[in-house]
C-alpha atoms as a PDB file:
ATOM      1  CA  MET A   1      92.617  80.889  75.237  1.00  0.00           C
ATOM      2  CA  VAL A   2      94.406  81.778  78.464  1.00  0.00           C
ATOM      3  CA  ARG A   3      97.430  82.936  76.472  1.00  0.00           C
ATOM      4  CA  THR A   4      95.204  85.178  74.334  1.00  0.00           C
ATOM      5  CA  LEU A   5      93.606  86.680  77.445  1.00  0.00           C
ATOM      6  CA  LEU A   6      97.023  87.183  79.051  1.00  0.00           C
ATOM      7  CA  VAL A   7      98.398  89.041  76.025  1.00  0.00           C
ATOM      8  CA  ARG A   8      95.193  91.101  75.889  1.00  0.00           C
ATOM      9  CA  GLY A   9      95.483  91.971  79.567  1.00  0.00           C
ATOM     10  CA  LEU A  10      99.153  92.960  79.265  1.00  0.00           C
ATOM     11  CA  LEU A  11      98.660  95.203  76.240  1.00  0.00           C
ATOM     12  CA  LEU A  12      95.472  96.866  77.462  1.00  0.00           C
ATOM     13  CA  GLY A  13      96.913  97.205  80.958  1.00  0.00           C
ATOM     14  CA  LEU A  14      99.912  99.018  79.501  1.00  0.00           C
ATOM     15  CA  LEU A  15      97.620 101.325  77.517  1.00  0.00           C
ATOM     16  CA  ALA A  16      95.394 102.025  80.527  1.00  0.00           C
ATOM     17  CA  GLY A  17      98.498 102.663  82.631  1.00  0.00           C
ATOM     18  CA  LEU A  18      99.742 105.278  80.187  1.00  0.00           C
ATOM     19  CA  ILE A  19      96.299 106.920  80.161  1.00  0.00           C
ATOM     20  CA  ALA A  20      96.325 107.036  83.948  1.00  0.00           C
ATOM     21  CA  GLY A  21      99.877 108.393  83.825  1.00  0.00           C
ATOM     22  CA  GLY A  22      98.683 111.251  81.639  1.00  0.00           C
ATOM     23  CA  PHE A  23      95.978 112.078  84.173  1.00  0.00           C
ATOM     24  CA  ALA A  24      98.459 111.954  87.058  1.00  0.00           C
ATOM     25  CA  PHE A  25     100.945 114.096  85.151  1.00  0.00           C
ATOM     26  CA  ALA A  26      98.361 116.770  84.343  1.00  0.00           C
ATOM     27  CA  PHE A  27      96.617 116.935  87.709  1.00  0.00           C
ATOM     28  CA  GLY A  28      98.926 115.323  90.261  1.00  0.00           C
ATOM     29  CA  GLU A  29     102.406 116.636  89.519  1.00  0.00           C
ATOM     30  CA  PRO A  30     101.511 120.264  90.358  1.00  0.00           C
ATOM     31  CA  GLN A  31     100.391 119.058  93.802  1.00  0.00           C
ATOM     32  CA  VAL A  32     103.652 117.141  94.241  1.00  0.00           C
ATOM     33  CA  ASP A  33     105.664 120.230  93.271  1.00  0.00           C
ATOM     34  CA  SER A  34     103.794 122.291  95.865  1.00  0.00           C
ATOM     35  CA  ALA A  35     104.333 119.660  98.555  1.00  0.00           C
ATOM     36  CA  ILE A  36     108.072 119.433  97.782  1.00  0.00           C
ATOM     37  CA  ALA A  37     108.364 123.223  97.961  1.00  0.00           C
ATOM     38  CA  LEU A  38     106.707 123.183 101.397  1.00  0.00           C
ATOM     39  CA  GLU A  39     109.009 120.380 102.539  1.00  0.00           C
ATOM     40  CA  GLN A  40     112.090 122.296 101.449  1.00  0.00           C
ATOM     41  CA  ALA A  41     110.853 125.501 103.056  1.00  0.00           C
ATOM     42  CA  HIS A  42     110.190 123.667 106.322  1.00  0.00           C
ATOM     43  CA  ALA A  43     113.637 122.029 106.239  1.00  0.00           C
ATOM     44  CA  ALA A  44     115.296 125.426 105.635  1.00  0.00           C
ATOM     45  CA  GLN A  45     113.664 126.814 108.791  1.00  0.00           C
ATOM     46  CA  GLU A  46     114.871 124.020 111.061  1.00  0.00           C
ATOM     47  CA  PRO A  47     117.564 124.997 113.610  1.00  0.00           C
ATOM     48  CA  GLY A  48     121.078 124.100 112.528  1.00  0.00           C
ATOM     49  CA  HIS A  49     120.094 123.646 108.895  1.00  0.00           C
ATOM     50  CA  ASP A  50     122.874 124.405 106.419  1.00  0.00           C
ATOM     51  CA  HIS A  51     121.315 126.533 103.697  1.00  0.00           C
ATOM     52  CA  GLY A  52     123.921 125.248 101.291  1.00  0.00           C
ATOM     53  CA  ASP A  53     122.178 121.866 101.426  1.00  0.00           C
ATOM     54  CA  LEU A  54     119.331 123.296  99.342  1.00  0.00           C
ATOM     55  CA  GLY A  55     121.659 123.467  96.389  1.00  0.00           C
ATOM     56  CA  GLU A  56     122.632 119.793  96.544  1.00  0.00           C
ATOM     57  CA  GLU A  57     121.679 117.854  93.450  1.00  0.00           C
ATOM     58  CA  GLU A  58     118.799 115.439  93.891  1.00  0.00           C
ATOM     59  CA  LEU A  59     119.399 111.739  93.303  1.00  0.00           C
ATOM     60  CA  VAL A  60     116.646 111.885  90.655  1.00  0.00           C
ATOM     61  CA  SER A  61     115.712 115.290  89.276  1.00  0.00           C
ATOM     62  CA  ARG A  62     112.102 116.423  89.105  1.00  0.00           C
ATOM     63  CA  PRO A  63     112.060 116.230  85.281  1.00  0.00           C
ATOM     64  CA  GLY A  64     113.392 112.687  85.607  1.00  0.00           C
ATOM     65  CA  GLN A  65     110.739 111.853  88.182  1.00  0.00           C
ATOM     66  CA  LYS A  66     108.003 113.226  85.941  1.00  0.00           C
ATOM     67  CA  ALA A  67     109.234 111.178  82.984  1.00  0.00           C
ATOM     68  CA  GLY A  68     109.491 108.146  85.246  1.00  0.00           C
ATOM     69  CA  LEU A  69     105.838 108.584  86.177  1.00  0.00           C
ATOM     70  CA  PHE A  70     104.792 107.126  82.816  1.00  0.00           C
ATOM     71  CA  LEU A  71     107.261 104.260  83.226  1.00  0.00           C
ATOM     72  CA  ALA A  72     105.793 103.510  86.659  1.00  0.00           C
ATOM     73  CA  THR A  73     102.160 103.629  85.559  1.00  0.00           C
ATOM     74  CA  GLY A  74     102.969 101.617  82.436  1.00  0.00           C
ATOM     75  CA  LEU A  75     104.669  98.871  84.458  1.00  0.00           C
ATOM     76  CA  TYR A  76     101.805  98.981  86.945  1.00  0.00           C
ATOM     77  CA  GLY A  77      99.363  98.503  84.073  1.00  0.00           C
ATOM     78  CA  LEU A  78     101.359  95.567  82.697  1.00  0.00           C
ATOM     79  CA  ALA A  79     101.434  93.795  86.048  1.00  0.00           C
ATOM     80  CA  VAL A  80      97.791  94.452  86.911  1.00  0.00           C
ATOM     81  CA  GLY A  81      96.628  93.613  83.392  1.00  0.00           C
ATOM     82  CA  GLY A  82      98.401  90.261  83.444  1.00  0.00           C
ATOM     83  CA  VAL A  83      97.002  89.263  86.838  1.00  0.00           C
ATOM     84  CA  PHE A  84      93.536  90.508  85.885  1.00  0.00           C
ATOM     85  CA  ALA A  85      93.548  88.414  82.704  1.00  0.00           C
ATOM     86  CA  LEU A  86      94.397  85.247  84.638  1.00  0.00           C
ATOM     87  CA  VAL A  87      91.674  85.915  87.210  1.00  0.00           C
ATOM     88  CA  TYR A  88      89.238  86.766  84.421  1.00  0.00           C
ATOM     89  CA  ALA A  89      89.998  83.440  82.723  1.00  0.00           C
ATOM     90  CA  GLY A  90      89.099  81.648  85.941  1.00  0.00           C
ATOM     91  CA  LEU A  91      85.859  83.585  86.405  1.00  0.00           C
ATOM     92  CA  ARG A  92      84.449  83.126  82.886  1.00  0.00           C
ATOM     93  CA  GLY A  93      81.304  81.019  82.972  1.00  0.00           C
ATOM     94  CA  ARG A  94      81.494  80.552  86.740  1.00  0.00           C
ATOM     95  CA  VAL A  95      80.845  83.894  88.438  1.00  0.00           C
ATOM     96  CA  GLY A  96      79.325  87.195  87.409  1.00  0.00           C
ATOM     97  CA  PRO A  97      77.660  88.326  84.175  1.00  0.00           C
ATOM     98  CA  ARG A  98      77.641  85.894  81.254  1.00  0.00           C
ATOM     99  CA  SER A  99      78.648  88.482  78.667  1.00  0.00           C
ATOM    100  CA  GLU A 100      82.370  89.034  78.173  1.00  0.00           C
ATOM    101  CA  GLY A 101      82.123  92.812  78.455  1.00  0.00           C
ATOM    102  CA  GLY A 102      79.834  92.713  81.478  1.00  0.00           C
ATOM    103  CA  LEU A 103      82.151  90.346  83.312  1.00  0.00           C
ATOM    104  CA  ALA A 104      85.178  92.530  82.539  1.00  0.00           C
ATOM    105  CA  LEU A 105      83.449  95.662  83.845  1.00  0.00           C
ATOM    106  CA  ALA A 106      82.164  93.869  86.949  1.00  0.00           C
ATOM    107  CA  ALA A 107      85.593  92.406  87.683  1.00  0.00           C
ATOM    108  CA  ALA A 108      87.358  95.743  87.153  1.00  0.00           C
ATOM    109  CA  GLY A 109      84.842  97.557  89.339  1.00  0.00           C
ATOM    110  CA  SER A 110      85.188  94.945  92.062  1.00  0.00           C
ATOM    111  CA  ALA A 111      88.979  95.155  91.907  1.00  0.00           C
ATOM    112  CA  PHE A 112      88.884  98.946  92.177  1.00  0.00           C
ATOM    113  CA  GLY A 113      86.549  98.768  95.156  1.00  0.00           C
ATOM    114  CA  ALA A 114      88.474  96.047  96.987  1.00  0.00           C
ATOM    115  CA  MET A 115      92.081  97.027  96.284  1.00  0.00           C
ATOM    116  CA  ILE A 116      91.831 100.803  95.928  1.00  0.00           C
ATOM    117  CA  LEU A 117      88.722 102.303  97.493  1.00  0.00           C
ATOM    118  CA  VAL A 118      88.534 100.180 100.660  1.00  0.00           C
ATOM    119  CA  PRO A 119      92.147 100.842 101.780  1.00  0.00           C
ATOM    120  CA  PHE A 120      91.992 104.454 100.565  1.00  0.00           C
ATOM    121  CA  VAL A 121      89.137 105.326 102.914  1.00  0.00           C
ATOM    122  CA  LYS A 122      91.161 104.186 105.928  1.00  0.00           C
ATOM    123  CA  TYR A 123      94.686 105.021 104.748  1.00  0.00           C
ATOM    124  CA  PRO A 124      94.571 107.651 101.986  1.00  0.00           C
ATOM    125  CA  ALA A 125      97.637 108.570  99.972  1.00  0.00           C
ATOM    126  CA  ASN A 126      99.904 111.313 101.282  1.00  0.00           C
ATOM    127  CA  PRO A 127     102.051 113.823  99.370  1.00  0.00           C
ATOM    128  CA  PRO A 128     105.741 114.464 100.124  1.00  0.00           C
ATOM    129  CA  ALA A 129     106.315 116.097 103.532  1.00  0.00           C
ATOM    130  CA  VAL A 130     103.437 114.088 105.053  1.00  0.00           C
ATOM    131  CA  GLY A 131     104.209 110.931 106.992  1.00  0.00           C
ATOM    132  CA  ASP A 132     106.959 109.790 109.332  1.00  0.00           C
ATOM    133  CA  PRO A 133     109.693 107.849 107.448  1.00  0.00           C
ATOM    134  CA  GLU A 134     110.163 105.641 110.521  1.00  0.00           C
ATOM    135  CA  THR A 135     106.588 104.306 110.280  1.00  0.00           C
ATOM    136  CA  ILE A 136     106.581 103.527 106.558  1.00  0.00           C
ATOM    137  CA  ASN A 137     106.814  99.759 107.131  1.00  0.00           C
ATOM    138  CA  SER A 138     103.911  99.657 109.559  1.00  0.00           C
ATOM    139  CA  ARG A 139     101.821 101.931 107.331  1.00  0.00           C
ATOM    140  CA  THR A 140     102.530  99.731 104.321  1.00  0.00           C
ATOM    141  CA  ALA A 141     101.568  96.614 106.276  1.00  0.00           C
ATOM    142  CA  LEU A 142      98.287  98.179 107.403  1.00  0.00           C
ATOM    143  CA  TYR A 143      97.513  99.211 103.817  1.00  0.00           C
ATOM    144  CA  PHE A 144      98.010  95.661 102.566  1.00  0.00           C
ATOM    145  CA  VAL A 145      95.846  94.346 105.390  1.00  0.00           C
ATOM    146  CA  MET A 146      93.039  96.580 104.124  1.00  0.00           C
ATOM    147  CA  ILE A 147      93.559  95.236 100.586  1.00  0.00           C
ATOM    148  CA  LEU A 148      93.216  91.677 101.895  1.00  0.00           C
ATOM    149  CA  VAL A 149      90.077  92.687 103.770  1.00  0.00           C
ATOM    150  CA  GLY A 150      88.613  94.181 100.599  1.00  0.00           C
ATOM    151  CA  LEU A 151      89.362  91.046  98.567  1.00  0.00           C
ATOM    152  CA  ALA A 152      87.956  88.803 101.297  1.00  0.00           C
ATOM    153  CA  ALA A 153      84.825  90.964 101.431  1.00  0.00           C
ATOM    154  CA  ILE A 154      84.330  90.499  97.673  1.00  0.00           C
ATOM    155  CA  ALA A 155      84.623  86.724  98.037  1.00  0.00           C
ATOM    156  CA  ILE A 156      82.174  86.698 100.968  1.00  0.00           C
ATOM    157  CA  ALA A 157      79.691  88.863  99.061  1.00  0.00           C
ATOM    158  CA  VAL A 158      79.822  86.608  95.980  1.00  0.00           C
ATOM    159  CA  ALA A 159      79.382  83.468  98.069  1.00  0.00           C
ATOM    160  CA  THR A 160      76.452  85.049  99.914  1.00  0.00           C
ATOM    161  CA  ALA A 161      74.768  86.151  96.694  1.00  0.00           C
ATOM    162  CA  ARG A 162      74.993  82.620  95.280  1.00  0.00           C
ATOM    163  CA  ARG A 163      73.304  81.168  98.359  1.00  0.00           C
ATOM    164  CA  VAL A 164      70.347  83.563  98.433  1.00  0.00           C
ATOM    165  CA  THR A 165      67.468  82.416  96.232  1.00  0.00           C
ATOM    166  CA  ALA A 166      64.684  84.716  97.438  1.00  0.00           C
ATOM    167  CA  GLY A 167      64.988  87.068  94.453  1.00  0.00           C
ATOM    168  CA  PRO A 168      67.366  89.601  92.879  1.00  0.00           C
ATOM    169  CA  TRP A 169      66.691  92.371  95.399  1.00  0.00           C
ATOM    170  CA  ALA A 170      67.244  90.074  98.384  1.00  0.00           C
ATOM    171  CA  ARG A 171      70.383  88.743  96.716  1.00  0.00           C
ATOM    172  CA  TRP A 172      71.842  92.221  96.185  1.00  0.00           C
ATOM    173  CA  VAL A 173      70.989  93.366  99.711  1.00  0.00           C
ATOM    174  CA  ALA A 174      72.493  90.250 101.267  1.00  0.00           C
ATOM    175  CA  ALA A 175      75.641  90.596  99.168  1.00  0.00           C
ATOM    176  CA  GLY A 176      75.967  94.280 100.080  1.00  0.00           C
ATOM    177  CA  VAL A 177      75.637  93.578 103.795  1.00  0.00           C
ATOM    178  CA  ALA A 178      78.081  90.672 103.576  1.00  0.00           C
ATOM    179  CA  TYR A 179      80.571  92.957 101.844  1.00  0.00           C
ATOM    180  CA  LEU A 180      80.233  95.867 104.263  1.00  0.00           C
ATOM    181  CA  VAL A 181      80.446  93.917 107.530  1.00  0.00           C
ATOM    182  CA  PRO A 182      84.160  92.933 107.288  1.00  0.00           C
ATOM    183  CA  VAL A 183      85.083  96.229 105.620  1.00  0.00           C
ATOM    184  CA  VAL A 184      83.450  98.432 108.252  1.00  0.00           C
ATOM    185  CA  ALA A 185      84.837  96.215 111.033  1.00  0.00           C
ATOM    186  CA  ALA A 186      88.356  96.699 109.652  1.00  0.00           C
ATOM    187  CA  TRP A 187      87.832 100.449 109.310  1.00  0.00           C
ATOM    188  CA  LEU A 188      86.820 100.614 112.986  1.00  0.00           C
ATOM    189  CA  LEU A 189      89.302  98.160 114.485  1.00  0.00           C
ATOM    190  CA  LEU A 190      92.547  98.881 112.656  1.00  0.00           C
ATOM    191  CA  PRO A 191      94.666 101.722 114.057  1.00  0.00           C
ATOM    192  CA  THR A 192      94.345 105.202 112.609  1.00  0.00           C
ATOM    193  CA  VAL A 193      97.396 106.838 111.052  1.00  0.00           C
ATOM    194  CA  ASP A 194      97.456 110.620 111.288  1.00  0.00           C
ATOM    195  CA  GLU A 195     100.896 112.034 110.557  1.00  0.00           C
ATOM    196  CA  VAL A 196      99.969 115.273 108.813  1.00  0.00           C
ATOM    197  CA  PRO A 197     102.351 117.947 110.136  1.00  0.00           C
ATOM    198  CA  GLU A 198     100.883 120.998 111.788  1.00  0.00           C
ATOM    199  CA  GLY A 199     100.329 123.818 109.353  1.00  0.00           C
ATOM    200  CA  PHE A 200     100.242 121.656 106.225  1.00  0.00           C
ATOM    201  CA  PRO A 201      97.632 123.158 103.857  1.00  0.00           C
ATOM    202  CA  ALA A 202      94.417 121.134 104.064  1.00  0.00           C
ATOM    203  CA  THR A 203      93.491 122.087 100.498  1.00  0.00           C
ATOM    204  CA  LEU A 204      96.759 120.735  99.093  1.00  0.00           C
ATOM    205  CA  LEU A 205      96.367 117.510 101.078  1.00  0.00           C
ATOM    206  CA  TRP A 206      92.795 117.038  99.858  1.00  0.00           C
ATOM    207  CA  GLN A 207      93.684 117.796  96.238  1.00  0.00           C
ATOM    208  CA  PHE A 208      96.601 115.359  96.271  1.00  0.00           C
ATOM    209  CA  ARG A 209      94.477 112.585  97.721  1.00  0.00           C
ATOM    210  CA  LEU A 210      91.661 113.285  95.282  1.00  0.00           C
ATOM    211  CA  VAL A 211      94.030 113.131  92.301  1.00  0.00           C
ATOM    212  CA  SER A 212      95.599 109.942  93.671  1.00  0.00           C
ATOM    213  CA  LEU A 213      92.195 108.274  93.848  1.00  0.00           C
ATOM    214  CA  GLY A 214      91.249 109.770  90.487  1.00  0.00           C
ATOM    215  CA  THR A 215      94.333 108.286  88.836  1.00  0.00           C
ATOM    216  CA  GLN A 216      93.319 104.822  89.983  1.00  0.00           C
ATOM    217  CA  LEU A 217      89.733 105.431  88.896  1.00  0.00           C
ATOM    218  CA  VAL A 218      90.924 106.490  85.437  1.00  0.00           C
ATOM    219  CA  PHE A 219      93.105 103.400  85.171  1.00  0.00           C
ATOM    220  CA  TRP A 220      90.451 100.887  86.217  1.00  0.00           C
ATOM    221  CA  THR A 221      87.743 102.561  84.143  1.00  0.00           C
ATOM    222  CA  ALA A 222      89.907 102.669  81.029  1.00  0.00           C
ATOM    223  CA  PHE A 223      91.153  99.131  81.544  1.00  0.00           C
ATOM    224  CA  GLY A 224      87.711  97.681  82.288  1.00  0.00           C
ATOM    225  CA  VAL A 225      86.101  99.381  79.283  1.00  0.00           C
ATOM    226  CA  LEU A 226      88.941  98.435  76.907  1.00  0.00           C
ATOM    227  CA  PHE A 227      89.178  94.849  78.121  1.00  0.00           C
ATOM    228  CA  GLY A 228      85.406  94.425  77.988  1.00  0.00           C
ATOM    229  CA  TRP A 229      85.110  95.966  74.519  1.00  0.00           C
ATOM    230  CA  VAL A 230      87.900  93.843  73.041  1.00  0.00           C
ATOM    231  CA  SER A 231      86.560  90.702  74.734  1.00  0.00           C
ATOM    232  CA  ASP A 232      83.046  91.336  73.420  1.00  0.00           C
ATOM    233  CA  ARG A 233      84.354  91.804  69.874  1.00  0.00           C
ATOM    234  CA  ALA A 234      86.406  88.612  70.122  1.00  0.00           C
ATOM    235  CA  ALA A 235      83.387  86.679  71.404  1.00  0.00           C
ATOM    236  CA  ARG A 236      81.201  87.935  68.549  1.00  0.00           C
ATOM    237  CA  ARG A 237      83.811  86.979  65.970  1.00  0.00           C
ATOM    238  CA  ALA A 238      84.162  83.524  67.511  1.00  0.00           C
ATOM    239  CA  ALA A 239      80.385  83.037  67.482  1.00  0.00           C
ATOM    240  CA  ALA A 240      80.177  84.051  63.826  1.00  0.00           C
ATOM    241  CA  VAL A 241      82.849  81.623  62.635  1.00  0.00           C
ATOM    242  CA  PRO A 242      80.690  78.431  62.604  1.00  0.00           C
ATOM    243  CA  ALA A 243      77.911  80.120  60.617  1.00  0.00           C
ATOM    244  CA  THR A 244      80.267  81.380  57.912  1.00  0.00           C
ATOM    245  CA  ALA A 245      82.569  78.388  57.845  1.00  0.00           C
ATOM    246  CA  VAL A 246      79.915  75.806  57.006  1.00  0.00           C
ATOM    247  CA  SER A 247      80.001  74.947  53.318  1.00  0.00           C
ATOM    248  CA  PRO A 248      76.817  73.919  51.440  1.00  0.00           C
ATOM    249  CA  GLY A 249      76.303  70.221  50.887  1.00  0.00           C
END
């Protein structure tokens, strides 16, 4: 069964990754082009800049980068889909909704909240020309810390919900508070990173970040719906087998 779930996660993750890649290509690449143009214009105005450098060939051309976008999102979908399937196999019958589709949607929504939304609020994505290259390691480390906080918050919320027996409303409130306490504490205590250069268009920055979040939302929505739908169909077929397989007498 685990092998079946793993193959399902890989294939549907790949499909969801390509869907998200299409969204990023349509709505995100124009923002990247604008940011690159601003970066090049800023570099051309720097003292001592050799204007002949603008004609140097890029290591990877923009058409190549745009084509590689689908490769990147497809590989991302494969990796995430495989890990999700293994986690899903461990959760079945133990945590969350009993229905296959409900569990898939709940798990995908929780993953999006913990690994995407929580770190995004504190450390949103930046377009080219934003961010100091010398701080990329520290910024990456802080981002992963926020992911760990989000995952830990999910685990704390689930454990809290299982301990509360006063009723569904009390259970949901307790789980929500248990989730928000570590997340808000991390938002307040971890250092802020603000490396947006002076004069960078606020609209372009906002649009890029919105598309970045939207790409992840498209991926997790598509993947959760597809995985849940396929899992529900498989469960119904499995439940129908005993009734049709029994021969009279």
